[in-house]
PDB file of N, CA and C in Angstrom:
ATOM      1  N   UNK A   1       3.364  40.687 -14.392  1.00  0.00           N
ATOM      2  CA  UNK A   1       3.563  38.753 -14.002  1.00  0.00           C
ATOM      3  C   UNK A   1       2.836  37.772 -15.630  1.00  0.00           C
ATOM      4  N   UNK A   2       3.641  37.010 -15.892  1.00  0.00           N
ATOM      5  CA  UNK A   2       3.377  36.368 -16.685  1.00  0.00           C
ATOM      6  C   UNK A   2       1.871  35.458 -16.680  1.00  0.00           C
ATOM      7  N   UNK A   3       0.930  34.691 -17.208  1.00  0.00           N
ATOM      8  CA  UNK A   3       0.586  34.019 -17.921  1.00  0.00           C
ATOM      9  C   UNK A   3       0.411  32.455 -17.580  1.00  0.00           C
ATOM     10  N   UNK A   4      -0.324  31.610 -16.957  1.00  0.00           N
ATOM     11  CA  UNK A   4       0.181  30.237 -17.137  1.00  0.00           C
ATOM     12  C   UNK A   4      -0.327  29.332 -17.912  1.00  0.00           C
ATOM     13  N   UNK A   5      -0.055  28.818 -18.824  1.00  0.00           N
ATOM     14  CA  UNK A   5      -0.770  27.870 -19.801  1.00  0.00           C
ATOM     15  C   UNK A   5      -1.397  26.500 -18.913  1.00  0.00           C
ATOM     16  N   UNK A   6      -2.648  26.937 -19.530  1.00  0.00           N
ATOM     17  CA  UNK A   6      -3.305  25.626 -18.390  1.00  0.00           C
ATOM     18  C   UNK A   6      -4.180  25.062 -19.775  1.00  0.00           C
ATOM     19  N   UNK A   7      -3.648  23.486 -19.626  1.00  0.00           N
ATOM     20  CA  UNK A   7      -4.098  22.649 -20.229  1.00  0.00           C
ATOM     21  C   UNK A   7      -5.729  22.297 -19.739  1.00  0.00           C
ATOM     22  N   UNK A   8      -6.407  21.719 -20.442  1.00  0.00           N
ATOM     23  CA  UNK A   8      -7.329  21.728 -20.458  1.00  0.00           C
ATOM     24  C   UNK A   8      -7.166  20.151 -19.245  1.00  0.00           C
ATOM     25  N   UNK A   9      -8.049  19.769 -18.316  1.00  0.00           N
ATOM     26  CA  UNK A   9      -8.107  18.646 -17.537  1.00  0.00           C
ATOM     27  C   UNK A   9      -9.330  17.806 -18.309  1.00  0.00           C
ATOM     28  N   UNK A  10      -9.262  16.428 -18.308  1.00  0.00           N
ATOM     29  CA  UNK A  10      -9.476  15.765 -19.415  1.00  0.00           C
ATOM     30  C   UNK A  10     -11.042  15.402 -18.318  1.00  0.00           C
ATOM     31  N   UNK A  11     -12.061  15.056 -18.534  1.00  0.00           N
ATOM     32  CA  UNK A  11     -13.960  15.228 -17.760  1.00  0.00           C
ATOM     33  C   UNK A  11     -13.113  14.011 -17.080  1.00  0.00           C
ATOM     34  N   UNK A  12     -13.407  13.909 -16.243  1.00  0.00           N
ATOM     35  CA  UNK A  12     -13.823  12.538 -15.335  1.00  0.00           C
ATOM     36  C   UNK A  12     -14.405  12.027 -15.918  1.00  0.00           C
ATOM     37  N   UNK A  13     -13.907  10.646 -15.293  1.00  0.00           N
ATOM     38  CA  UNK A  13     -15.180   9.300 -15.156  1.00  0.00           C
ATOM     39  C   UNK A  13     -16.027   9.168 -14.256  1.00  0.00           C
ATOM     40  N   UNK A  14     -17.672   9.081 -14.685  1.00  0.00           N
ATOM     41  CA  UNK A  14     -18.267   9.091 -14.583  1.00  0.00           C
ATOM     42  C   UNK A  14     -18.205   7.641 -13.149  1.00  0.00           C
ATOM     43  N   UNK A  15     -19.048   7.697 -12.037  1.00  0.00           N
ATOM     44  CA  UNK A  15     -19.260   6.335 -11.435  1.00  0.00           C
ATOM     45  C   UNK A  15     -20.528   5.846 -11.482  1.00  0.00           C
ATOM     46  N   UNK A  16     -21.187   5.229 -11.128  1.00  0.00           N
ATOM     47  CA  UNK A  16     -22.252   4.556 -11.333  1.00  0.00           C
ATOM     48  C   UNK A  16     -22.235   3.100 -10.232  1.00  0.00           C
ATOM     49  N   UNK A  17     -23.183   3.809  -8.398  1.00  0.00           N
ATOM     50  CA  UNK A  17     -22.528   2.736  -7.797  1.00  0.00           C
ATOM     51  C   UNK A  17     -24.278   1.959  -7.436  1.00  0.00           C
ATOM     52  N   UNK A  18     -24.881   0.564  -6.892  1.00  0.00           N
ATOM     53  CA  UNK A  18     -26.017   0.007  -7.631  1.00  0.00           C
ATOM     54  C   UNK A  18     -25.217  -0.545  -6.257  1.00  0.00           C
ATOM     55  N   UNK A  19     -26.357  -0.629  -5.277  1.00  0.00           N
ATOM     56  CA  UNK A  19     -26.494  -0.636  -3.532  1.00  0.00           C
ATOM     57  C   UNK A  19     -27.627  -1.727  -3.806  1.00  0.00           C
ATOM     58  N   UNK A  20     -26.687  -3.135  -3.471  1.00  0.00           N
ATOM     59  CA  UNK A  20     -27.745  -3.955  -3.333  1.00  0.00           C
ATOM     60  C   UNK A  20     -27.265  -5.386  -2.599  1.00  0.00           C
ATOM     61  N   UNK A  21     -28.184  -6.287  -2.343  1.00  0.00           N
ATOM     62  CA  UNK A  21     -27.916  -7.007  -1.960  1.00  0.00           C
ATOM     63  C   UNK A  21     -28.214  -8.703  -2.410  1.00  0.00           C
ATOM     64  N   UNK A  22     -27.599  -9.384  -2.259  1.00  0.00           N
ATOM     65  CA  UNK A  22     -26.769 -10.963  -2.491  1.00  0.00           C
ATOM     66  C   UNK A  22     -28.659 -11.503  -2.877  1.00  0.00           C
ATOM     67  N   UNK A  23     -29.074 -12.295  -4.251  1.00  0.00           N
ATOM     68  CA  UNK A  23     -30.793 -12.926  -4.067  1.00  0.00           C
ATOM     69  C   UNK A  23     -31.316 -12.089  -4.973  1.00  0.00           C
ATOM     70  N   UNK A  24     -31.433 -10.574  -5.067  1.00  0.00           N
ATOM     71  CA  UNK A  24     -32.276  -9.425  -4.952  1.00  0.00           C
ATOM     72  C   UNK A  24     -32.700  -9.897  -6.571  1.00  0.00           C
ATOM     73  N   UNK A  25     -33.141  -9.898  -6.745  1.00  0.00           N
ATOM     74  CA  UNK A  25     -34.143 -10.261  -8.824  1.00  0.00           C
ATOM     75  C   UNK A  25     -34.301  -9.306  -9.267  1.00  0.00           C
ATOM     76  N   UNK A  26     -34.396  -8.056  -8.322  1.00  0.00           N
ATOM     77  CA  UNK A  26     -34.248  -5.490  -9.283  1.00  0.00           C
ATOM     78  C   UNK A  26     -32.761  -6.204  -9.402  1.00  0.00           C
ATOM     79  N   UNK A  27     -32.037  -6.198  -8.095  1.00  0.00           N
ATOM     80  CA  UNK A  27     -30.983  -6.114  -8.442  1.00  0.00           C
ATOM     81  C   UNK A  27     -30.500  -6.717  -9.427  1.00  0.00           C
ATOM     82  N   UNK A  28     -30.829  -8.059  -9.580  1.00  0.00           N
ATOM     83  CA  UNK A  28     -29.564  -8.725 -10.679  1.00  0.00           C
ATOM     84  C   UNK A  28     -30.879  -7.271 -12.516  1.00  0.00           C
ATOM     85  N   UNK A  29     -31.800  -7.311 -12.359  1.00  0.00           N
ATOM     86  CA  UNK A  29     -31.781  -6.046 -13.334  1.00  0.00           C
ATOM     87  C   UNK A  29     -31.816  -4.772 -13.433  1.00  0.00           C
ATOM     88  N   UNK A  30     -31.535  -4.233 -12.624  1.00  0.00           N
ATOM     89  CA  UNK A  30     -31.197  -3.158 -12.551  1.00  0.00           C
ATOM     90  C   UNK A  30     -29.061  -3.368 -12.910  1.00  0.00           C
ATOM     91  N   UNK A  31     -28.565  -4.523 -13.118  1.00  0.00           N
ATOM     92  CA  UNK A  31     -26.955  -5.000 -13.017  1.00  0.00           C
ATOM     93  C   UNK A  31     -27.539  -5.166 -14.613  1.00  0.00           C
ATOM     94  N   UNK A  32     -27.716  -5.768 -14.626  1.00  0.00           N
ATOM     95  CA  UNK A  32     -27.237  -5.491 -16.208  1.00  0.00           C
ATOM     96  C   UNK A  32     -28.488  -3.438 -17.477  1.00  0.00           C
ATOM     97  N   UNK A  33     -29.294  -3.430 -17.289  1.00  0.00           N
ATOM     98  CA  UNK A  33     -28.429  -2.308 -17.742  1.00  0.00           C
ATOM     99  C   UNK A  33     -28.064  -0.931 -16.742  1.00  0.00           C
ATOM    100  N   UNK A  34     -27.761  -0.603 -16.120  1.00  0.00           N
ATOM    101  CA  UNK A  34     -26.025   0.049 -15.785  1.00  0.00           C
ATOM    102  C   UNK A  34     -25.277  -0.731 -16.217  1.00  0.00           C
ATOM    103  N   UNK A  35     -24.571  -2.059 -16.494  1.00  0.00           N
ATOM    104  CA  UNK A  35     -23.728  -2.505 -17.148  1.00  0.00           C
ATOM    105  C   UNK A  35     -23.519  -2.024 -18.834  1.00  0.00           C
ATOM    106  N   UNK A  36     -24.617  -2.440 -19.209  1.00  0.00           N
ATOM    107  CA  UNK A  36     -24.685  -1.414 -20.784  1.00  0.00           C
ATOM    108  C   UNK A  36     -24.667  -0.230 -20.575  1.00  0.00           C
ATOM    109  N   UNK A  37     -25.354   0.755 -19.815  1.00  0.00           N
ATOM    110  CA  UNK A  37     -25.514   2.289 -20.482  1.00  0.00           C
ATOM    111  C   UNK A  37     -23.716   2.460 -19.588  1.00  0.00           C
ATOM    112  N   UNK A  38     -23.429   1.619 -18.571  1.00  0.00           N
ATOM    113  CA  UNK A  38     -21.972   2.458 -18.337  1.00  0.00           C
ATOM    114  C   UNK A  38     -21.000   2.310 -19.267  1.00  0.00           C
ATOM    115  N   UNK A  39     -20.913   0.524 -19.654  1.00  0.00           N
ATOM    116  CA  UNK A  39     -19.637   0.059 -20.848  1.00  0.00           C
ATOM    117  C   UNK A  39     -20.127   1.333 -22.046  1.00  0.00           C
ATOM    118  N   UNK A  40     -21.118   1.662 -22.678  1.00  0.00           N
ATOM    119  CA  UNK A  40     -21.314   2.560 -23.826  1.00  0.00           C
ATOM    120  C   UNK A  40     -21.125   3.332 -23.629  1.00  0.00           C
ATOM    121  N   UNK A  41     -21.058   4.295 -22.318  1.00  0.00           N
ATOM    122  CA  UNK A  41     -20.456   5.617 -22.133  1.00  0.00           C
ATOM    123  C   UNK A  41     -19.502   5.609 -21.335  1.00  0.00           C
ATOM    124  N   UNK A  42     -18.535   5.179 -20.784  1.00  0.00           N
ATOM    125  CA  UNK A  42     -17.114   4.985 -20.079  1.00  0.00           C
ATOM    126  C   UNK A  42     -17.509   4.821 -18.919  1.00  0.00           C
ATOM    127  N   UNK A  43     -18.456   4.940 -18.579  1.00  0.00           N
ATOM    128  CA  UNK A  43     -18.405   5.138 -16.237  1.00  0.00           C
ATOM    129  C   UNK A  43     -17.858   4.135 -15.878  1.00  0.00           C
ATOM    130  N   UNK A  44     -17.623   4.286 -15.354  1.00  0.00           N
ATOM    131  CA  UNK A  44     -16.947   3.153 -14.494  1.00  0.00           C
ATOM    132  C   UNK A  44     -18.183   1.939 -13.253  1.00  0.00           C
ATOM    133  N   UNK A  45     -17.804   0.955 -12.228  1.00  0.00           N
ATOM    134  CA  UNK A  45     -19.438   0.616 -12.296  1.00  0.00           C
ATOM    135  C   UNK A  45     -18.619  -0.564 -10.917  1.00  0.00           C
ATOM    136  N   UNK A  46     -19.463   0.517  -9.352  1.00  0.00           N
ATOM    137  CA  UNK A  46     -19.107  -0.772  -8.019  1.00  0.00           C
ATOM    138  C   UNK A  46     -20.540  -0.970  -7.649  1.00  0.00           C
ATOM    139  N   UNK A  47     -20.122  -2.031  -7.058  1.00  0.00           N
ATOM    140  CA  UNK A  47     -21.034  -2.834  -6.115  1.00  0.00           C
ATOM    141  C   UNK A  47     -21.160  -2.774  -5.138  1.00  0.00           C
ATOM    142  N   UNK A  48     -21.886  -2.482  -3.741  1.00  0.00           N
ATOM    143  CA  UNK A  48     -22.590  -2.426  -2.847  1.00  0.00           C
ATOM    144  C   UNK A  48     -23.620  -3.286  -1.827  1.00  0.00           C
ATOM    145  N   UNK A  49     -22.938  -4.319  -0.817  1.00  0.00           N
ATOM    146  CA  UNK A  49     -22.965  -5.160  -0.690  1.00  0.00           C
ATOM    147  C   UNK A  49     -24.001  -4.173   0.826  1.00  0.00           C
ATOM    148  N   UNK A  50     -25.491  -3.771   0.605  1.00  0.00           N
ATOM    149  CA  UNK A  50     -26.179  -3.898   1.992  1.00  0.00           C
ATOM    150  C   UNK A  50     -25.705  -4.854   3.469  1.00  0.00           C
ATOM    151  N   UNK A  51     -25.706  -6.085   3.176  1.00  0.00           N
ATOM    152  CA  UNK A  51     -25.422  -7.217   4.404  1.00  0.00           C
ATOM    153  C   UNK A  51     -24.095  -7.262   4.685  1.00  0.00           C
ATOM    154  N   UNK A  52     -23.422  -6.384   3.896  1.00  0.00           N
ATOM    155  CA  UNK A  52     -22.657  -5.917   4.743  1.00  0.00           C
ATOM    156  C   UNK A  52     -21.772  -4.656   5.286  1.00  0.00           C
ATOM    157  N   UNK A  53     -22.552  -3.850   5.588  1.00  0.00           N
ATOM    158  CA  UNK A  53     -22.400  -2.616   5.690  1.00  0.00           C
ATOM    159  C   UNK A  53     -23.322  -1.461   6.133  1.00  0.00           C
ATOM    160  N   UNK A  54     -23.288  -1.777   7.525  1.00  0.00           N
ATOM    161  CA  UNK A  54     -24.817  -1.565   8.716  1.00  0.00           C
ATOM    162  C   UNK A  54     -25.563   0.169   8.263  1.00  0.00           C
ATOM    163  N   UNK A  55     -24.162   1.145   7.806  1.00  0.00           N
ATOM    164  CA  UNK A  55     -24.241   2.036   8.273  1.00  0.00           C
ATOM    165  C   UNK A  55     -26.046   2.025   6.116  1.00  0.00           C
ATOM    166  N   UNK A  56     -25.224   1.382   5.168  1.00  0.00           N
ATOM    167  CA  UNK A  56     -26.096   1.132   3.883  1.00  0.00           C
ATOM    168  C   UNK A  56     -27.228   0.213   4.046  1.00  0.00           C
ATOM    169  N   UNK A  57     -26.932  -0.028   5.073  1.00  0.00           N
ATOM    170  CA  UNK A  57     -28.662  -0.948   5.699  1.00  0.00           C
ATOM    171  C   UNK A  57     -29.953  -0.177   6.209  1.00  0.00           C
ATOM    172  N   UNK A  58     -29.095   0.586   6.979  1.00  0.00           N
ATOM    173  CA  UNK A  58     -30.009   1.505   7.924  1.00  0.00           C
ATOM    174  C   UNK A  58     -30.691   2.505   6.475  1.00  0.00           C
ATOM    175  N   UNK A  59     -29.684   3.249   5.901  1.00  0.00           N
ATOM    176  CA  UNK A  59     -30.018   3.659   4.788  1.00  0.00           C
ATOM    177  C   UNK A  59     -30.529   3.704   3.517  1.00  0.00           C
ATOM    178  N   UNK A  60     -31.073   1.987   3.122  1.00  0.00           N
ATOM    179  CA  UNK A  60     -31.666   2.147   1.823  1.00  0.00           C
ATOM    180  C   UNK A  60     -31.589   0.670   1.995  1.00  0.00           C
ATOM    181  N   UNK A  61     -32.660   0.177   2.931  1.00  0.00           N
ATOM    182  CA  UNK A  61     -32.903  -1.171   3.020  1.00  0.00           C
ATOM    183  C   UNK A  61     -33.897  -1.533   2.246  1.00  0.00           C
ATOM    184  N   UNK A  62     -34.859  -0.481   2.181  1.00  0.00           N
ATOM    185  CA  UNK A  62     -36.572  -0.569   1.510  1.00  0.00           C
ATOM    186  C   UNK A  62     -36.151  -0.003   0.681  1.00  0.00           C
ATOM    187  N   UNK A  63     -35.038   0.102  -0.362  1.00  0.00           N
ATOM    188  CA  UNK A  63     -34.716   1.323  -1.056  1.00  0.00           C
ATOM    189  C   UNK A  63     -34.813  -0.186  -2.479  1.00  0.00           C
ATOM    190  N   UNK A  64     -33.732  -0.994  -2.123  1.00  0.00           N
ATOM    191  CA  UNK A  64     -32.875  -1.963  -3.222  1.00  0.00           C
ATOM    192  C   UNK A  64     -33.505  -1.950  -3.862  1.00  0.00           C
ATOM    193  N   UNK A  65     -32.606  -1.861  -5.267  1.00  0.00           N
ATOM    194  CA  UNK A  65     -31.560  -1.496  -5.245  1.00  0.00           C
ATOM    195  C   UNK A  65     -31.466  -0.029  -5.345  1.00  0.00           C
ATOM    196  N   UNK A  66     -30.683   1.084  -5.153  1.00  0.00           N
ATOM    197  CA  UNK A  66     -30.758   1.898  -5.059  1.00  0.00           C
ATOM    198  C   UNK A  66     -29.452   2.265  -6.128  1.00  0.00           C
ATOM    199  N   UNK A  67     -29.399   3.116  -6.741  1.00  0.00           N
ATOM    200  CA  UNK A  67     -28.155   3.717  -8.031  1.00  0.00           C
ATOM    201  C   UNK A  67     -28.163   4.959  -7.650  1.00  0.00           C
ATOM    202  N   UNK A  68     -26.347   5.182  -7.366  1.00  0.00           N
ATOM    203  CA  UNK A  68     -25.676   6.291  -7.052  1.00  0.00           C
ATOM    204  C   UNK A  68     -25.368   6.268  -8.430  1.00  0.00           C
ATOM    205  N   UNK A  69     -25.374   7.838  -8.178  1.00  0.00           N
ATOM    206  CA  UNK A  69     -24.190   8.363  -9.974  1.00  0.00           C
ATOM    207  C   UNK A  69     -23.332   9.592  -9.264  1.00  0.00           C
ATOM    208  N   UNK A  70     -21.718   9.030  -9.214  1.00  0.00           N
ATOM    209  CA  UNK A  70     -20.746   9.616  -8.992  1.00  0.00           C
ATOM    210  C   UNK A  70     -21.259  10.157  -7.265  1.00  0.00           C
ATOM    211  N   UNK A  71     -21.946   9.430  -6.379  1.00  0.00           N
ATOM    212  CA  UNK A  71     -22.337   9.494  -4.682  1.00  0.00           C
ATOM    213  C   UNK A  71     -23.207   9.931  -4.584  1.00  0.00           C
ATOM    214  N   UNK A  72     -23.657  10.644  -5.150  1.00  0.00           N
ATOM    215  CA  UNK A  72     -25.871  11.008  -4.887  1.00  0.00           C
ATOM    216  C   UNK A  72     -26.067  10.331  -5.661  1.00  0.00           C
ATOM    217  N   UNK A  73     -27.614   9.930  -4.977  1.00  0.00           N
ATOM    218  CA  UNK A  73     -29.030   9.191  -5.311  1.00  0.00           C
ATOM    219  C   UNK A  73     -29.458   9.258  -6.017  1.00  0.00           C
ATOM    220  N   UNK A  74     -29.360   8.430  -7.514  1.00  0.00           N
ATOM    221  CA  UNK A  74     -30.038   8.548  -8.613  1.00  0.00           C
ATOM    222  C   UNK A  74     -31.703   8.059  -8.841  1.00  0.00           C
ATOM    223  N   UNK A  75     -31.659   6.788  -8.371  1.00  0.00           N
ATOM    224  CA  UNK A  75     -32.638   5.845  -8.967  1.00  0.00           C
ATOM    225  C   UNK A  75     -32.764   4.942  -7.474  1.00  0.00           C
ATOM    226  N   UNK A  76     -34.159   4.166  -7.233  1.00  0.00           N
ATOM    227  CA  UNK A  76     -34.327   3.469  -6.319  1.00  0.00           C
ATOM    228  C   UNK A  76     -35.257   2.177  -7.329  1.00  0.00           C
ATOM    229  N   UNK A  77     -35.301   1.023  -7.070  1.00  0.00           N
ATOM    230  CA  UNK A  77     -36.461  -0.056  -7.317  1.00  0.00           C
ATOM    231  C   UNK A  77     -35.937  -0.412  -8.804  1.00  0.00           C
ATOM    232  N   UNK A  78     -36.348   0.728  -9.538  1.00  0.00           N
ATOM    233  CA  UNK A  78     -36.451   0.060 -11.126  1.00  0.00           C
ATOM    234  C   UNK A  78     -35.016   0.985 -11.632  1.00  0.00           C
ATOM    235  N   UNK A  79     -33.796   0.636 -12.825  1.00  0.00           N
ATOM    236  CA  UNK A  79     -33.650   1.531 -12.870  1.00  0.00           C
ATOM    237  C   UNK A  79     -33.904   1.816 -14.392  1.00  0.00           C
ATOM    238  N   UNK A  80     -34.201   3.814 -14.826  1.00  0.00           N
ATOM    239  CA  UNK A  80     -34.645   3.258 -16.201  1.00  0.00           C
ATOM    240  C   UNK A  80     -33.941   4.133 -16.680  1.00  0.00           C
ATOM    241  N   UNK A  81     -33.146   3.115 -17.851  1.00  0.00           N
ATOM    242  CA  UNK A  81     -32.218   2.573 -19.028  1.00  0.00           C
ATOM    243  C   UNK A  81     -32.267   4.539 -19.528  1.00  0.00           C
ATOM    244  N   UNK A  82     -32.614   5.187 -19.743  1.00  0.00           N
ATOM    245  CA  UNK A  82     -33.078   6.466 -20.484  1.00  0.00           C
ATOM    246  C   UNK A  82     -32.282   8.113 -19.669  1.00  0.00           C
ATOM    247  N   UNK A  83     -32.742   7.437 -18.390  1.00  0.00           N
ATOM    248  CA  UNK A  83     -32.669   8.467 -17.418  1.00  0.00           C
ATOM    249  C   UNK A  83     -31.173   8.001 -17.060  1.00  0.00           C
ATOM    250  N   UNK A  84     -30.560   7.630 -16.714  1.00  0.00           N
ATOM    251  CA  UNK A  84     -29.801   6.851 -16.352  1.00  0.00           C
ATOM    252  C   UNK A  84     -28.586   7.675 -17.839  1.00  0.00           C
ATOM    253  N   UNK A  85     -28.657   7.327 -18.987  1.00  0.00           N
ATOM    254  CA  UNK A  85     -28.068   7.826 -19.411  1.00  0.00           C
ATOM    255  C   UNK A  85     -28.082   9.029 -19.609  1.00  0.00           C
ATOM    256  N   UNK A  86     -29.159   9.796 -19.708  1.00  0.00           N
ATOM    257  CA  UNK A  86     -29.440  11.598 -19.157  1.00  0.00           C
ATOM    258  C   UNK A  86     -27.709  11.770 -18.358  1.00  0.00           C
ATOM    259  N   UNK A  87     -28.153  11.326 -17.508  1.00  0.00           N
ATOM    260  CA  UNK A  87     -27.050  11.617 -15.709  1.00  0.00           C
ATOM    261  C   UNK A  87     -25.986  11.819 -16.544  1.00  0.00           C
ATOM    262  N   UNK A  88     -25.578  10.605 -17.175  1.00  0.00           N
ATOM    263  CA  UNK A  88     -23.944  10.264 -16.882  1.00  0.00           C
ATOM    264  C   UNK A  88     -23.722  11.296 -18.674  1.00  0.00           C
ATOM    265  N   UNK A  89     -24.334  12.123 -19.163  1.00  0.00           N
ATOM    266  CA  UNK A  89     -24.263  12.680 -19.985  1.00  0.00           C
ATOM    267  C   UNK A  89     -24.065  12.035 -21.534  1.00  0.00           C
ATOM    268  N   UNK A  90     -25.277  10.921 -22.002  1.00  0.00           N
ATOM    269  CA  UNK A  90     -25.188  10.442 -22.778  1.00  0.00           C
ATOM    270  C   UNK A  90     -26.278  10.059 -23.560  1.00  0.00           C
TER     271      UNK A  90
END
């Protein structure tokens, strides 16, 4: 049987998710760090509002803001720029 040529797959674009709520000053601080790091490293950013999602509310209410990297919890309350950069491979 012949071998199939495999072209290397491009690296997956990383996703950073900020889980917070309106009027949360720590969420605003986290957003600034996330947007800066994500734009420098080419990651996408999404935000989720715990006041609009009962499951997120139950899971994260006492920890907001919560940051997920590719769906896994990375940090909460305060976002450390160096840790986030490292988690994204930068």
